[in-house]
């Protein structure tokens, strides 16, 4: 099972669908499609109410607010249905980017959205990158600082 990101920005299981269920593979010719995450990043067999870390807004309209990161995929967007909702007109409505926590690896990743500008420590990212404590994530006019709680040494299962 391989979770891949289509050129249209949608994530799906290529073995299950064969082609992107959102765009039917229309965008494949535009950009190569590659695997970005393991299935464990999306499916976590544990209690979903245990958080793994935070994003703290240090610049923008929500300065001083923190957002919890949960195991699996945490979509950052302007829409209220987003896992991390930023009230920023420069942030994409549905999925500007995402922060993923893989409990089995004890690792966090930043996944850019399609057609959006996502900065990691002031540098634009084009593909999935591993996060470390104190990393600065730029989305629109907002700047978020990443603070992990869980990791290889500290997990909810060990408490």
N, C-alpha and C. Protein backbone atom coordinates (compact mmCIF):
# COMPACT_ATOMS: atom_id res chain seq x y z
N UNK A 1 0.85 -1.18 0.00
CA UNK A 1 0.00 0.00 0.00
C UNK A 1 0.89 1.24 0.00
N UNK A 2 0.69 2.14 -0.95
CA UNK A 2 1.50 3.35 -1.07
C UNK A 2 0.58 4.56 -1.16
N UNK A 3 0.71 5.43 -0.20
CA UNK A 3 -0.02 6.69 -0.24
C UNK A 3 0.79 7.65 -1.08
N UNK A 4 0.19 8.17 -2.12
CA UNK A 4 0.90 9.11 -2.98
C UNK A 4 0.12 10.41 -3.10
N UNK A 5 0.81 11.43 -3.55
CA UNK A 5 0.20 12.74 -3.77
C UNK A 5 0.11 12.96 -5.27
N UNK A 6 -1.09 13.12 -5.76
CA UNK A 6 -1.31 13.38 -7.18
C UNK A 6 -0.84 14.79 -7.50
N UNK A 7 -0.61 15.06 -8.75
CA UNK A 7 -0.23 16.40 -9.18
C UNK A 7 -1.31 17.43 -8.87
N UNK A 8 -2.56 16.99 -8.72
CA UNK A 8 -3.63 17.92 -8.38
C UNK A 8 -3.63 18.26 -6.88
N UNK A 9 -2.76 17.56 -6.09
CA UNK A 9 -2.65 17.85 -4.68
C UNK A 9 -3.38 16.88 -3.77
N UNK A 10 -4.14 15.96 -4.32
CA UNK A 10 -4.94 15.03 -3.54
C UNK A 10 -4.10 13.81 -3.15
N UNK A 11 -4.23 13.34 -1.91
CA UNK A 11 -3.54 12.15 -1.44
C UNK A 11 -4.47 10.93 -1.58
N UNK A 12 -3.92 9.80 -2.06
CA UNK A 12 -4.74 8.60 -2.19
C UNK A 12 -3.86 7.36 -2.21
N UNK A 13 -4.49 6.20 -2.02
CA UNK A 13 -3.81 4.91 -2.06
C UNK A 13 -3.82 4.43 -3.51
N UNK A 14 -2.64 4.42 -4.13
CA UNK A 14 -2.54 4.08 -5.55
C UNK A 14 -2.94 2.64 -5.83
N UNK A 15 -2.65 1.73 -4.89
CA UNK A 15 -3.03 0.33 -5.10
C UNK A 15 -4.54 0.15 -5.08
N UNK A 16 -5.22 0.93 -4.29
CA UNK A 16 -6.68 0.81 -4.17
C UNK A 16 -7.39 1.47 -5.34
N UNK A 17 -6.91 2.64 -5.78
CA UNK A 17 -7.62 3.40 -6.81
C UNK A 17 -7.00 3.33 -8.20
N UNK A 18 -5.68 3.16 -8.31
CA UNK A 18 -5.04 3.11 -9.62
C UNK A 18 -4.80 4.47 -10.21
N UNK A 19 -5.79 5.36 -10.12
CA UNK A 19 -5.67 6.74 -10.58
C UNK A 19 -6.32 7.63 -9.52
N UNK A 20 -5.96 8.86 -9.53
CA UNK A 20 -6.48 9.80 -8.54
C UNK A 20 -8.01 9.86 -8.61
N UNK A 21 -8.70 9.59 -7.49
CA UNK A 21 -10.16 9.64 -7.52
C UNK A 21 -10.71 11.05 -7.64
N UNK A 22 -9.88 12.05 -7.38
CA UNK A 22 -10.35 13.44 -7.47
C UNK A 22 -10.31 13.96 -8.90
N UNK A 23 -9.18 13.72 -9.59
CA UNK A 23 -9.04 14.30 -10.94
C UNK A 23 -8.98 13.24 -12.04
N UNK A 24 -9.10 11.97 -11.69
CA UNK A 24 -9.02 10.84 -12.62
C UNK A 24 -7.69 10.77 -13.34
N UNK A 25 -6.65 11.35 -12.75
CA UNK A 25 -5.32 11.30 -13.34
C UNK A 25 -5.04 12.34 -14.39
N UNK A 26 -5.93 13.32 -14.56
CA UNK A 26 -5.75 14.35 -15.58
C UNK A 26 -4.46 15.14 -15.40
N UNK A 27 -4.04 15.34 -14.16
CA UNK A 27 -2.89 16.19 -13.89
C UNK A 27 -1.56 15.45 -13.89
N UNK A 28 -1.59 14.14 -14.08
CA UNK A 28 -0.36 13.36 -14.02
C UNK A 28 0.68 13.81 -15.04
N UNK A 29 0.25 14.22 -16.22
CA UNK A 29 1.19 14.62 -17.25
C UNK A 29 1.92 15.92 -16.89
N UNK A 30 1.33 16.72 -16.03
CA UNK A 30 1.93 18.01 -15.67
C UNK A 30 3.17 17.85 -14.79
N UNK A 31 3.08 16.99 -13.78
CA UNK A 31 4.18 16.80 -12.84
C UNK A 31 4.25 15.33 -12.45
N UNK A 32 5.45 14.86 -12.13
CA UNK A 32 5.54 13.47 -11.69
C UNK A 32 4.84 13.27 -10.35
N UNK A 33 4.31 12.07 -10.17
CA UNK A 33 3.64 11.71 -8.93
C UNK A 33 4.57 10.77 -8.18
N UNK A 34 4.76 11.02 -6.88
CA UNK A 34 5.62 10.14 -6.12
C UNK A 34 5.06 9.90 -4.73
N UNK A 35 5.48 8.82 -4.13
CA UNK A 35 5.06 8.50 -2.78
C UNK A 35 5.66 9.52 -1.82
N UNK A 36 4.84 10.02 -0.90
CA UNK A 36 5.33 11.02 0.04
C UNK A 36 5.33 10.54 1.48
N UNK A 37 4.43 9.65 1.81
CA UNK A 37 4.31 9.19 3.19
C UNK A 37 3.91 7.73 3.24
N UNK A 38 4.21 7.11 4.35
CA UNK A 38 3.77 5.74 4.55
C UNK A 38 2.32 5.75 5.02
N UNK A 39 1.59 4.66 4.87
CA UNK A 39 0.19 4.62 5.32
C UNK A 39 0.04 4.92 6.81
N UNK A 40 1.06 4.61 7.61
CA UNK A 40 0.96 4.86 9.04
C UNK A 40 0.72 6.33 9.35
N UNK A 41 1.12 7.20 8.45
CA UNK A 41 0.93 8.63 8.68
C UNK A 41 -0.55 9.00 8.67
N UNK A 42 -1.37 8.20 8.00
CA UNK A 42 -2.78 8.51 7.88
C UNK A 42 -3.65 7.69 8.81
N UNK A 43 -3.23 6.49 9.11
CA UNK A 43 -4.05 5.60 9.91
C UNK A 43 -3.33 5.25 11.20
N UNK A 44 -3.81 5.76 12.30
CA UNK A 44 -3.19 5.54 13.60
C UNK A 44 -4.14 4.76 14.47
N UNK A 45 -3.72 3.58 14.89
CA UNK A 45 -4.58 2.74 15.70
C UNK A 45 -4.34 3.03 17.17
N UNK A 46 -4.81 4.14 17.63
CA UNK A 46 -4.67 4.54 19.01
C UNK A 46 -5.76 5.54 19.33
N UNK A 47 -5.65 6.15 20.47
CA UNK A 47 -6.64 7.15 20.84
C UNK A 47 -6.35 8.44 20.11
N UNK A 48 -7.31 8.91 19.33
CA UNK A 48 -7.12 10.12 18.54
C UNK A 48 -7.09 11.39 19.39
N UNK A 49 -7.51 11.31 20.65
CA UNK A 49 -7.55 12.53 21.43
C UNK A 49 -6.21 12.86 22.08
N UNK A 50 -5.19 12.01 21.94
CA UNK A 50 -3.86 12.31 22.46
C UNK A 50 -3.11 13.14 21.43
N UNK A 51 -2.69 14.32 21.81
CA UNK A 51 -1.97 15.17 20.87
C UNK A 51 -0.50 14.80 20.84
N UNK A 52 0.22 15.26 19.81
CA UNK A 52 1.63 14.93 19.64
C UNK A 52 2.53 16.15 19.72
N UNK A 53 1.98 17.34 19.57
CA UNK A 53 2.77 18.56 19.61
C UNK A 53 1.91 19.77 19.33
N UNK A 54 2.57 20.90 19.08
CA UNK A 54 1.86 22.15 18.84
C UNK A 54 2.49 22.94 17.71
N UNK A 55 1.67 23.79 17.12
CA UNK A 55 2.14 24.90 16.30
C UNK A 55 1.72 26.15 17.07
N UNK A 56 2.64 27.07 17.27
CA UNK A 56 2.34 28.31 17.97
C UNK A 56 2.49 29.45 16.98
N UNK A 57 1.44 30.25 16.84
CA UNK A 57 1.46 31.38 15.93
C UNK A 57 2.24 32.54 16.58
N UNK A 58 3.31 32.97 15.93
CA UNK A 58 4.12 34.06 16.46
C UNK A 58 4.03 35.33 15.61
N UNK A 59 3.36 35.22 14.47
CA UNK A 59 3.17 36.38 13.59
C UNK A 59 1.88 36.18 12.81
N UNK A 60 1.11 37.24 12.67
CA UNK A 60 -0.15 37.17 11.94
C UNK A 60 -1.31 37.48 12.86
N UNK A 61 -2.52 37.35 12.32
CA UNK A 61 -3.74 37.70 13.04
C UNK A 61 -4.03 36.85 14.27
N UNK A 62 -3.44 35.68 14.37
CA UNK A 62 -3.69 34.80 15.52
C UNK A 62 -2.45 34.66 16.41
N UNK A 63 -1.61 35.68 16.38
CA UNK A 63 -0.39 35.69 17.20
C UNK A 63 -0.72 35.35 18.65
N UNK A 64 0.04 34.41 19.22
CA UNK A 64 -0.16 33.99 20.59
C UNK A 64 -1.05 32.76 20.74
N UNK A 65 -1.70 32.33 19.67
CA UNK A 65 -2.58 31.16 19.72
C UNK A 65 -1.77 29.90 19.41
N UNK A 66 -2.13 28.80 20.07
CA UNK A 66 -1.49 27.52 19.78
C UNK A 66 -2.49 26.57 19.15
N UNK A 67 -1.98 25.66 18.35
CA UNK A 67 -2.79 24.67 17.66
C UNK A 67 -2.19 23.30 17.94
N UNK A 68 -3.02 22.37 18.38
CA UNK A 68 -2.54 21.02 18.68
C UNK A 68 -2.35 20.21 17.40
N UNK A 69 -1.31 19.40 17.41
CA UNK A 69 -1.02 18.46 16.33
C UNK A 69 -1.34 17.07 16.86
N UNK A 70 -2.12 16.32 16.10
CA UNK A 70 -2.51 14.97 16.50
C UNK A 70 -1.81 13.94 15.62
N UNK A 71 -1.76 12.68 16.04
CA UNK A 71 -1.18 11.64 15.19
C UNK A 71 -1.90 11.60 13.84
N UNK A 72 -1.12 11.41 12.80
CA UNK A 72 -1.68 11.36 11.45
C UNK A 72 -1.55 12.69 10.75
N UNK A 73 -2.49 12.95 9.89
CA UNK A 73 -2.46 14.08 8.96
C UNK A 73 -3.23 15.26 9.54
N UNK A 74 -2.59 16.42 9.69
CA UNK A 74 -3.21 17.65 10.23
C UNK A 74 -3.17 18.72 9.14
N UNK A 75 -4.32 18.95 8.48
CA UNK A 75 -4.40 19.92 7.39
C UNK A 75 -4.43 21.35 7.93
N UNK A 76 -3.61 22.22 7.34
CA UNK A 76 -3.60 23.63 7.69
C UNK A 76 -4.30 24.38 6.58
N UNK A 77 -5.35 25.13 6.92
CA UNK A 77 -6.10 25.88 5.92
C UNK A 77 -6.94 26.96 6.56
N UNK A 78 -7.64 27.69 5.73
CA UNK A 78 -8.47 28.80 6.20
C UNK A 78 -9.88 28.34 6.55
N UNK A 79 -10.31 27.22 5.97
CA UNK A 79 -11.66 26.70 6.17
C UNK A 79 -11.82 26.16 7.59
N UNK A 80 -12.98 26.36 8.18
CA UNK A 80 -13.20 25.90 9.56
C UNK A 80 -13.10 24.39 9.70
N UNK A 81 -13.26 23.65 8.61
CA UNK A 81 -13.13 22.20 8.65
C UNK A 81 -11.67 21.74 8.68
N UNK A 82 -10.73 22.66 8.50
CA UNK A 82 -9.31 22.31 8.55
C UNK A 82 -8.94 21.88 9.97
N UNK A 83 -7.98 21.00 10.08
CA UNK A 83 -7.52 20.57 11.40
C UNK A 83 -6.87 21.73 12.15
N UNK A 84 -6.14 22.56 11.42
CA UNK A 84 -5.53 23.77 11.96
C UNK A 84 -6.04 24.92 11.11
N UNK A 85 -6.97 25.69 11.67
CA UNK A 85 -7.65 26.75 10.93
C UNK A 85 -6.98 28.09 11.19
N UNK A 86 -6.40 28.68 10.14
CA UNK A 86 -5.77 29.99 10.24
C UNK A 86 -6.68 31.04 9.63
N UNK A 87 -6.94 32.08 10.36
CA UNK A 87 -7.75 33.19 9.87
C UNK A 87 -6.82 34.16 9.16
N UNK A 88 -6.46 33.80 7.94
CA UNK A 88 -5.47 34.54 7.16
C UNK A 88 -5.91 34.47 5.70
N UNK A 89 -6.22 35.61 5.12
CA UNK A 89 -6.70 35.66 3.74
C UNK A 89 -5.70 35.16 2.71
N UNK A 90 -4.43 35.06 3.09
CA UNK A 90 -3.39 34.58 2.18
C UNK A 90 -3.19 33.07 2.25
N UNK A 91 -3.89 32.42 3.18
CA UNK A 91 -3.79 30.96 3.35
C UNK A 91 -4.88 30.30 2.50
N UNK A 92 -4.53 29.21 1.84
CA UNK A 92 -5.51 28.48 1.02
C UNK A 92 -6.66 27.99 1.87
N UNK A 93 -7.84 27.99 1.29
CA UNK A 93 -9.04 27.62 2.03
C UNK A 93 -9.00 26.19 2.54
N UNK A 94 -8.72 25.23 1.67
CA UNK A 94 -8.83 23.82 2.05
C UNK A 94 -7.55 23.22 2.63
N UNK A 95 -6.46 23.31 1.93
CA UNK A 95 -5.24 22.67 2.42
C UNK A 95 -4.02 23.42 1.92
N UNK A 96 -3.60 24.40 2.71
CA UNK A 96 -2.41 25.17 2.35
C UNK A 96 -1.16 24.30 2.49
N UNK A 97 -1.14 23.54 3.58
CA UNK A 97 -0.06 22.59 3.84
C UNK A 97 -0.58 21.62 4.90
N UNK A 98 0.26 20.73 5.36
CA UNK A 98 -0.14 19.80 6.41
C UNK A 98 1.06 19.43 7.26
N UNK A 99 0.78 19.16 8.52
CA UNK A 99 1.80 18.63 9.43
C UNK A 99 1.37 17.21 9.75
N UNK A 100 2.28 16.27 9.57
CA UNK A 100 1.99 14.86 9.77
C UNK A 100 2.87 14.33 10.90
N UNK A 101 2.24 13.61 11.83
CA UNK A 101 3.00 12.92 12.87
C UNK A 101 2.84 11.43 12.68
N UNK A 102 3.95 10.71 12.52
CA UNK A 102 3.95 9.26 12.39
C UNK A 102 4.39 8.67 13.73
N UNK A 103 3.45 8.15 14.53
CA UNK A 103 3.78 7.62 15.84
C UNK A 103 4.80 6.48 15.83
N UNK A 104 4.75 5.61 14.83
CA UNK A 104 5.66 4.47 14.80
C UNK A 104 7.11 4.90 14.58
N UNK A 105 7.30 6.02 13.88
CA UNK A 105 8.64 6.54 13.65
C UNK A 105 9.01 7.63 14.65
N UNK A 106 8.01 8.17 15.33
CA UNK A 106 8.25 9.28 16.25
C UNK A 106 8.73 10.52 15.51
N UNK A 107 8.22 10.74 14.30
CA UNK A 107 8.70 11.82 13.46
C UNK A 107 7.55 12.69 12.95
N UNK A 108 7.87 13.96 12.73
CA UNK A 108 6.92 14.94 12.20
C UNK A 108 7.40 15.37 10.81
N UNK A 109 6.44 15.65 9.93
CA UNK A 109 6.75 16.06 8.57
C UNK A 109 5.88 17.25 8.17
N UNK A 110 6.40 18.10 7.31
CA UNK A 110 5.64 19.21 6.72
C UNK A 110 5.42 18.88 5.26
N UNK A 111 4.15 18.89 4.83
CA UNK A 111 3.76 18.56 3.47
C UNK A 111 3.17 19.82 2.83
N UNK A 112 3.79 20.35 1.76
CA UNK A 112 3.23 21.54 1.11
C UNK A 112 1.95 21.22 0.35
N UNK A 113 1.09 22.21 0.20
CA UNK A 113 -0.13 22.04 -0.58
C UNK A 113 0.15 22.35 -2.04
N UNK A 114 -0.81 22.04 -2.90
CA UNK A 114 -0.66 22.32 -4.32
C UNK A 114 -0.96 23.78 -4.61
N UNK A 115 -0.05 24.43 -5.29
CA UNK A 115 -0.27 25.82 -5.69
C UNK A 115 -0.15 26.82 -4.56
N UNK A 116 0.42 26.43 -3.45
CA UNK A 116 0.59 27.34 -2.32
C UNK A 116 2.06 27.56 -2.04
N UNK A 117 2.35 28.63 -1.36
CA UNK A 117 3.72 28.89 -0.93
C UNK A 117 3.80 28.58 0.55
N UNK A 118 4.58 27.57 0.88
CA UNK A 118 4.82 27.20 2.27
C UNK A 118 6.31 27.32 2.52
N UNK A 119 6.64 28.05 3.59
CA UNK A 119 8.04 28.27 3.93
C UNK A 119 8.43 27.45 5.15
N UNK A 120 9.62 26.92 5.13
CA UNK A 120 10.18 26.23 6.29
C UNK A 120 11.50 26.94 6.60
N UNK A 121 11.52 27.63 7.74
CA UNK A 121 12.69 28.42 8.16
C UNK A 121 13.11 29.42 7.07
N UNK A 122 12.09 30.05 6.45
CA UNK A 122 12.34 31.08 5.45
C UNK A 122 12.60 30.58 4.05
N UNK A 123 12.61 29.29 3.84
CA UNK A 123 12.89 28.68 2.55
C UNK A 123 11.64 28.00 2.02
N UNK A 124 11.29 28.28 0.76
CA UNK A 124 10.11 27.65 0.15
C UNK A 124 10.35 26.16 -0.03
N UNK A 125 9.35 25.35 0.34
CA UNK A 125 9.48 23.90 0.16
C UNK A 125 8.59 23.43 -0.98
N UNK A 126 9.07 22.43 -1.69
CA UNK A 126 8.35 21.87 -2.83
C UNK A 126 7.90 20.44 -2.56
N UNK A 127 8.49 19.79 -1.54
CA UNK A 127 8.15 18.41 -1.23
C UNK A 127 8.18 18.21 0.28
N UNK A 128 7.75 17.04 0.72
CA UNK A 128 7.68 16.72 2.15
C UNK A 128 9.05 16.84 2.80
N UNK A 129 9.07 17.51 3.97
CA UNK A 129 10.33 17.66 4.72
C UNK A 129 10.10 17.33 6.18
N UNK A 130 11.11 16.76 6.80
CA UNK A 130 11.05 16.40 8.21
C UNK A 130 11.17 17.66 9.06
N UNK A 131 10.36 17.72 10.13
CA UNK A 131 10.38 18.86 11.04
C UNK A 131 11.22 18.56 12.27
N UNK A 132 11.83 19.62 12.81
CA UNK A 132 12.53 19.49 14.08
C UNK A 132 12.09 20.64 14.98
N UNK A 133 12.30 20.48 16.27
CA UNK A 133 11.85 21.46 17.25
C UNK A 133 12.36 22.87 16.91
N UNK A 134 11.44 23.83 16.99
CA UNK A 134 11.78 25.22 16.73
C UNK A 134 11.68 25.65 15.28
N UNK A 135 11.39 24.72 14.37
CA UNK A 135 11.24 25.08 12.96
C UNK A 135 10.13 26.12 12.81
N UNK A 136 10.33 27.06 11.89
CA UNK A 136 9.35 28.11 11.61
C UNK A 136 8.65 27.79 10.29
N UNK A 137 7.31 27.76 10.35
CA UNK A 137 6.50 27.46 9.17
C UNK A 137 5.76 28.72 8.76
N UNK A 138 5.98 29.15 7.52
CA UNK A 138 5.31 30.33 6.99
C UNK A 138 4.19 29.92 6.06
N UNK A 139 2.99 30.43 6.35
CA UNK A 139 1.82 30.18 5.51
C UNK A 139 1.06 31.49 5.42
N UNK A 140 1.00 32.08 4.23
CA UNK A 140 0.36 33.38 4.08
C UNK A 140 1.10 34.42 4.90
N UNK A 141 0.34 35.21 5.67
CA UNK A 141 0.93 36.22 6.54
C UNK A 141 1.27 35.66 7.92
N UNK A 142 0.99 34.39 8.14
CA UNK A 142 1.18 33.76 9.45
C UNK A 142 2.54 33.07 9.53
N UNK A 143 3.11 33.10 10.74
CA UNK A 143 4.35 32.38 11.02
C UNK A 143 4.09 31.52 12.24
N UNK A 144 4.34 30.22 12.09
CA UNK A 144 4.08 29.25 13.15
C UNK A 144 5.38 28.59 13.58
N UNK A 145 5.54 28.38 14.87
CA UNK A 145 6.72 27.69 15.39
C UNK A 145 6.28 26.29 15.82
N UNK A 146 7.07 25.29 15.41
CA UNK A 146 6.77 23.90 15.70
C UNK A 146 7.38 23.48 17.04
N UNK A 147 6.55 22.90 17.92
CA UNK A 147 7.00 22.40 19.21
C UNK A 147 6.48 20.96 19.37
N UNK A 148 7.38 19.97 19.32
CA UNK A 148 6.94 18.58 19.48
C UNK A 148 6.75 18.22 20.95
N UNK A 149 5.81 17.34 21.23
CA UNK A 149 5.68 16.75 22.56
C UNK A 149 6.12 15.30 22.48
N UNK A 150 5.59 14.58 21.50
CA UNK A 150 5.95 13.18 21.30
C UNK A 150 7.16 13.08 20.38
N UNK A 151 7.78 11.95 20.39
CA UNK A 151 8.93 11.68 19.54
C UNK A 151 9.43 10.28 19.80
N UNK A 152 10.68 10.01 19.46
CA UNK A 152 11.23 8.67 19.67
C UNK A 152 11.37 8.36 21.15
N UNK A 153 11.71 9.35 21.95
CA UNK A 153 11.92 9.13 23.38
C UNK A 153 10.63 9.23 24.20
N UNK A 154 9.71 10.05 23.77
CA UNK A 154 8.48 10.29 24.56
C UNK A 154 7.26 9.95 23.71
N UNK A 155 6.49 8.97 24.17
CA UNK A 155 5.25 8.59 23.49
C UNK A 155 4.18 8.40 24.55
N UNK A 156 2.93 8.48 24.14
CA UNK A 156 1.82 8.26 25.06
C UNK A 156 1.79 6.82 25.57
N UNK A 157 2.25 5.89 24.73
CA UNK A 157 2.24 4.48 25.12
C UNK A 157 3.20 4.20 26.28
N UNK A 158 4.22 5.03 26.47
CA UNK A 158 5.22 4.81 27.52
C UNK A 158 4.83 5.43 28.87
N UNK A 159 3.79 6.20 28.93
CA UNK A 159 3.42 6.85 30.20
C UNK A 159 2.70 5.90 31.10
